[in-house]
Amino acid sequence: MPSTDNRSLKDAQAQQQADIPTHLQDLHCFTETNGVITTTMFDVPGYRVVKVLGAVYGLTVRTRNWAASLTMVIKSVAGGELRWFTNMLYNARNDAITRIVAETQSRGGNAIIALRFDAGELGGFAQVCAYGTAAIIEKIDESVETHPQLIAS
């Protein structure tokens, strides 16, 4: 019986860790892409790449204000999530996506394949870069559901 109790405890802990606070949930990923499919895969199942438009980048650099930094230093002593920083990085990621999508659209693309993110620190500043390959794709398999981003509004 103890192994069942331990498993239940581990399941509960894993479930608790997976819970994303409401203010951090990213439920609007389709609206952020303005009709451009973004995927970390090297292809889009049911679609074919008609034309590769080249590498595209979206970069943003953020800084923390001194009051938030001081509060976070105090919070770091006690431990736990630094929500202000987490929120800042979510916003930075969304800005990077917005910029890479804009660059793709300016080239006439409707998809970004092999999308990746890179993040780092530059002398106290947080940097987030989204990069991938801009492409024009078209549906080749009618049995595959049309991606919501490609449905005309």
Protein backbone atom coordinates (compact mmCIF):
# COMPACT_ATOMS: atom_id res chain seq x y z
CA MET A 1 0.00 0.00 0.00
CA PRO A 2 2.78 2.54 0.67
CA SER A 3 3.83 2.43 -3.00
CA THR A 4 0.27 3.36 -4.04
CA ASP A 5 0.28 6.28 -1.60
CA ASN A 6 3.70 7.42 -2.90
CA ARG A 7 2.47 7.13 -6.50
CA SER A 8 -0.65 9.17 -5.65
CA LEU A 9 1.50 11.80 -3.97
CA LYS A 10 3.85 11.96 -6.97
CA ASP A 11 0.89 12.21 -9.37
CA ALA A 12 -0.59 15.04 -7.29
CA GLN A 13 2.75 16.87 -7.23
CA ALA A 14 3.21 16.46 -10.99
CA GLN A 15 -0.31 17.73 -11.60
CA GLN A 16 0.29 20.70 -9.31
CA GLN A 17 3.53 21.58 -11.11
CA ALA A 18 1.75 21.43 -14.48
CA ASP A 19 -0.89 23.96 -13.41
CA ILE A 20 -0.20 27.26 -15.17
CA PRO A 21 -1.45 30.37 -13.40
CA THR A 22 -4.29 32.10 -15.23
CA HIS A 23 -2.29 35.31 -15.76
CA LEU A 24 0.46 33.32 -17.53
CA GLN A 25 -1.65 31.08 -19.75
CA ASP A 26 -0.97 31.53 -23.44
CA LEU A 27 -4.33 30.67 -24.92
CA HIS A 28 -4.19 33.15 -27.81
CA CYS A 29 -1.38 31.64 -29.88
CA PHE A 30 -3.47 31.73 -33.09
CA THR A 31 -4.33 35.41 -32.79
CA GLU A 32 -0.68 36.29 -32.27
CA THR A 33 0.36 34.77 -35.60
CA ASN A 34 -1.91 36.76 -37.93
CA GLY A 35 -2.66 33.75 -40.10
CA VAL A 36 0.90 32.39 -40.19
CA ILE A 37 1.38 28.78 -39.11
CA THR A 38 4.23 28.40 -36.64
CA THR A 39 5.67 24.97 -35.98
CA THR A 40 8.79 23.54 -34.42
CA MET A 41 8.55 20.58 -36.81
CA PHE A 42 10.40 20.48 -40.13
CA ASP A 43 7.16 20.03 -42.05
CA VAL A 44 3.42 20.55 -41.69
CA PRO A 45 1.55 17.24 -42.06
CA GLY A 46 -0.88 17.36 -45.00
CA TYR A 47 0.87 20.37 -46.52
CA ARG A 48 3.85 20.79 -48.79
CA VAL A 49 6.39 23.55 -48.90
CA VAL A 50 5.93 25.42 -52.18
CA LYS A 51 8.68 27.95 -51.61
CA VAL A 52 11.32 28.56 -48.95
CA LEU A 53 11.69 32.28 -48.21
CA GLY A 54 14.75 32.04 -45.96
CA ALA A 55 15.63 32.42 -42.31
CA VAL A 56 13.58 34.88 -40.28
CA TYR A 57 14.23 36.33 -36.83
CA GLY A 58 12.30 38.08 -34.12
CA LEU A 59 14.39 39.63 -31.36
CA THR A 60 13.55 41.58 -28.21
CA VAL A 61 15.61 42.74 -25.26
CA ARG A 62 13.95 43.53 -21.94
CA THR A 63 15.07 45.09 -18.72
CA ARG A 64 13.63 44.90 -15.26
CA ASN A 65 12.80 48.05 -13.36
CA TRP A 66 14.83 48.54 -10.18
CA ALA A 67 11.80 48.26 -7.86
CA ALA A 68 10.80 44.90 -9.34
CA SER A 69 14.42 43.73 -9.21
CA LEU A 70 14.66 44.64 -5.52
CA THR A 71 11.39 42.84 -4.78
CA MET A 72 12.60 39.78 -6.69
CA VAL A 73 15.89 39.72 -4.76
CA ILE A 74 13.93 39.64 -1.51
CA LYS A 75 11.60 36.96 -2.93
CA SER A 76 14.58 34.85 -4.04
CA VAL A 77 15.70 34.53 -0.41
CA ALA A 78 12.43 32.77 0.43
CA GLY A 79 12.39 30.73 -2.77
CA GLY A 80 9.59 30.06 -5.20
CA GLU A 81 8.64 31.37 -8.61
CA LEU A 82 9.57 34.91 -9.52
CA ARG A 83 6.30 35.64 -11.29
CA TRP A 84 7.25 39.13 -12.43
CA PHE A 85 10.27 37.71 -14.29
CA THR A 86 8.23 34.81 -15.66
CA ASN A 87 5.64 37.23 -16.96
CA MET A 88 8.37 39.42 -18.47
CA LEU A 89 9.80 36.41 -20.35
CA TYR A 90 6.34 35.38 -21.61
CA ASN A 91 5.86 38.92 -22.92
CA ALA A 92 9.32 38.89 -24.50
CA ARG A 93 8.54 35.57 -26.21
CA ASN A 94 5.25 36.93 -27.54
CA ASP A 95 7.02 40.04 -28.87
CA ALA A 96 9.62 37.84 -30.58
CA ILE A 97 6.83 35.80 -32.20
CA THR A 98 5.06 38.98 -33.35
CA ARG A 99 8.28 40.19 -34.99
CA ILE A 100 9.15 36.90 -36.71
CA VAL A 101 5.58 36.67 -38.03
CA ALA A 102 5.78 40.24 -39.37
CA GLU A 103 9.04 39.44 -41.16
CA THR A 104 7.50 36.27 -42.65
CA GLN A 105 4.46 38.19 -43.85
CA SER A 106 6.62 40.92 -45.37
CA ARG A 107 8.23 38.18 -47.50
CA GLY A 108 4.83 36.80 -48.52
CA GLY A 109 5.00 33.66 -46.35
CA ASN A 110 2.19 31.83 -44.59
CA ALA A 111 4.29 29.52 -42.38
CA ILE A 112 7.38 29.40 -40.20
CA ILE A 113 8.87 25.93 -39.96
CA ALA A 114 11.58 24.71 -37.58
CA LEU A 115 10.72 27.56 -35.18
CA ARG A 116 13.15 27.82 -32.28
CA PHE A 117 13.78 30.16 -29.38
CA ASP A 118 16.99 31.34 -27.82
CA ALA A 119 17.16 33.28 -24.59
CA GLY A 120 20.02 34.81 -22.70
CA GLU A 121 21.20 37.59 -20.49
CA LEU A 122 23.16 40.59 -21.67
CA GLY A 123 24.54 42.53 -18.71
CA GLY A 124 21.30 42.39 -16.72
CA PHE A 125 19.03 42.55 -19.76
CA ALA A 126 16.91 39.59 -20.88
CA GLN A 127 17.13 38.77 -24.59
CA VAL A 128 14.74 36.45 -26.44
CA CYS A 129 15.16 35.52 -30.08
CA ALA A 130 12.70 33.50 -32.17
CA TYR A 131 14.08 32.10 -35.42
CA GLY A 132 12.96 29.72 -38.12
CA THR A 133 12.42 29.30 -41.84
CA ALA A 134 9.77 31.37 -43.58
CA ALA A 135 7.89 29.44 -46.23
CA ILE A 136 4.83 29.32 -48.43
CA ILE A 137 2.91 26.10 -47.89
CA GLU A 138 -0.18 24.61 -49.53
CA LYS A 139 -2.54 21.83 -48.56
CA ILE A 140 -2.03 18.55 -50.41
CA ASP A 141 -4.06 16.14 -48.30
CA GLU A 142 -7.76 17.02 -48.15
CA SER A 143 -8.31 14.59 -45.25
CA VAL A 144 -6.15 16.81 -43.02
CA GLU A 145 -8.01 19.54 -41.18
CA THR A 146 -7.19 23.04 -42.40
CA HIS A 147 -5.05 24.88 -39.84
CA PRO A 148 -7.08 27.59 -38.08
CA GLN A 149 -4.46 30.18 -39.06
CA LEU A 150 -5.13 29.59 -42.77
CA ILE A 151 -8.90 29.98 -42.60
CA ALA A 152 -9.91 33.36 -44.01
CA SER A 153 -11.82 35.48 -41.49
